[in-house]
C-alpha atoms as a PDB file:
ATOM      1  CA  UNK A   1       0.259  -0.203  -0.209  1.00  0.00           C
ATOM      2  CA  UNK A   2       1.380   3.572  -0.613  1.00  0.00           C
ATOM      3  CA  UNK A   3       1.215   6.651   0.730  1.00  0.00           C
ATOM      4  CA  UNK A   4      -2.487   8.001   1.676  1.00  0.00           C
ATOM      5  CA  UNK A   5      -2.231  12.328   1.937  1.00  0.00           C
ATOM      6  CA  UNK A   6      -5.144  14.214   2.925  1.00  0.00           C
ATOM      7  CA  UNK A   7      -5.596  17.573   3.613  1.00  0.00           C
ATOM      8  CA  UNK A   8      -8.095  19.384   6.129  1.00  0.00           C
ATOM      9  CA  UNK A   9     -10.270  19.808   2.972  1.00  0.00           C
ATOM     10  CA  UNK A  10     -10.148  16.047   1.476  1.00  0.00           C
ATOM     11  CA  UNK A  11     -10.003  14.484   5.278  1.00  0.00           C
ATOM     12  CA  UNK A  12     -12.770  11.340   5.020  1.00  0.00           C
ATOM     13  CA  UNK A  13     -15.397  12.440   7.802  1.00  0.00           C
ATOM     14  CA  UNK A  14     -14.962  10.441  10.897  1.00  0.00           C
ATOM     15  CA  UNK A  15     -18.594   8.223  11.697  1.00  0.00           C
ATOM     16  CA  UNK A  16     -19.469   7.218  15.227  1.00  0.00           C
ATOM     17  CA  UNK A  17     -18.725   3.816  15.033  1.00  0.00           C
ATOM     18  CA  UNK A  18     -14.872   4.568  14.392  1.00  0.00           C
ATOM     19  CA  UNK A  19     -14.947   6.322  17.457  1.00  0.00           C
ATOM     20  CA  UNK A  20     -16.167   3.675  18.931  1.00  0.00           C
ATOM     21  CA  UNK A  21     -13.655   0.978  17.562  1.00  0.00           C
ATOM     22  CA  UNK A  22     -10.857   2.942  18.929  1.00  0.00           C
ATOM     23  CA  UNK A  23     -12.253   3.930  22.083  1.00  0.00           C
ATOM     24  CA  UNK A  24     -12.795  -0.236  22.284  1.00  0.00           C
ATOM     25  CA  UNK A  25      -8.880  -0.667  21.678  1.00  0.00           C
ATOM     26  CA  UNK A  26      -7.447  -1.824  25.286  1.00  0.00           C
ATOM     27  CA  UNK A  27      -3.677  -0.359  26.100  1.00  0.00           C
ATOM     28  CA  UNK A  28      -2.533  -3.735  26.647  1.00  0.00           C
ATOM     29  CA  UNK A  29      -3.706  -4.501  23.049  1.00  0.00           C
ATOM     30  CA  UNK A  30      -1.504  -2.319  21.209  1.00  0.00           C
ATOM     31  CA  UNK A  31       1.594  -2.960  19.560  1.00  0.00           C
ATOM     32  CA  UNK A  32       4.662  -0.872  20.438  1.00  0.00           C
ATOM     33  CA  UNK A  33       7.010  -3.125  18.952  1.00  0.00           C
ATOM     34  CA  UNK A  34       7.976  -1.668  15.255  1.00  0.00           C
ATOM     35  CA  UNK A  35       8.268   1.873  17.370  1.00  0.00           C
ATOM     36  CA  UNK A  36      12.112   2.313  18.486  1.00  0.00           C
ATOM     37  CA  UNK A  37      12.951   3.398  21.887  1.00  0.00           C
ATOM     38  CA  UNK A  38      14.442   6.685  22.716  1.00  0.00           C
ATOM     39  CA  UNK A  39      17.246   6.731  24.504  1.00  0.00           C
ATOM     40  CA  UNK A  40      19.634   9.790  23.193  1.00  0.00           C
ATOM     41  CA  UNK A  41      18.042  12.788  25.005  1.00  0.00           C
ATOM     42  CA  UNK A  42      21.229  15.068  23.841  1.00  0.00           C
ATOM     43  CA  UNK A  43      19.143  16.774  20.964  1.00  0.00           C
ATOM     44  CA  UNK A  44      15.867  17.518  22.979  1.00  0.00           C
ATOM     45  CA  UNK A  45      16.248  21.178  24.134  1.00  0.00           C
ATOM     46  CA  UNK A  46      12.999  22.512  24.892  1.00  0.00           C
ATOM     47  CA  UNK A  47      14.653  25.710  25.519  1.00  0.00           C
ATOM     48  CA  UNK A  48      15.311  26.223  22.106  1.00  0.00           C
ATOM     49  CA  UNK A  49      11.859  25.558  21.234  1.00  0.00           C
ATOM     50  CA  UNK A  50      10.515  27.966  22.864  1.00  0.00           C
ATOM     51  CA  UNK A  51      12.647  30.557  21.027  1.00  0.00           C
ATOM     52  CA  UNK A  52      11.231  29.412  17.635  1.00  0.00           C
ATOM     53  CA  UNK A  53       7.985  28.473  18.610  1.00  0.00           C
ATOM     54  CA  UNK A  54       5.582  32.050  19.622  1.00  0.00           C
ATOM     55  CA  UNK A  55       1.963  31.428  19.961  1.00  0.00           C
ATOM     56  CA  UNK A  56      -0.879  33.847  18.492  1.00  0.00           C
ATOM     57  CA  UNK A  57      -2.002  35.918  21.270  1.00  0.00           C
ATOM     58  CA  UNK A  58      -5.889  37.493  21.009  1.00  0.00           C
ATOM     59  CA  UNK A  59      -6.951  40.187  23.165  1.00  0.00           C
ATOM     60  CA  UNK A  60     -10.298  39.164  24.702  1.00  0.00           C
ATOM     61  CA  UNK A  61     -12.474  42.212  26.359  1.00  0.00           C
ATOM     62  CA  UNK A  62     -15.146  41.585  28.908  1.00  0.00           C
ATOM     63  CA  UNK A  63     -17.327  43.663  30.279  1.00  0.00           C
ATOM     64  CA  UNK A  64     -20.001  42.614  33.431  1.00  0.00           C
ATOM     65  CA  UNK A  65     -22.875  44.882  33.722  1.00  0.00           C
ATOM     66  CA  UNK A  66     -25.017  44.135  37.406  1.00  0.00           C
ATOM     67  CA  UNK A  67     -28.503  43.320  36.519  1.00  0.00           C
END
């Protein structure tokens, strides 16, 4: 099977049955054997990642009036 790519516009809808099937899977039944264990954390530098990621700030105003 080849690579399947989707965009937000072409993403197929998720049915309620699909969600129920995923929810029914137990953690013990998930096969992690093809995922390599991470043992080298030397390249993990969260302080450098924070410099490159800048969250979008949105101003929110709320006026509360007594009734």
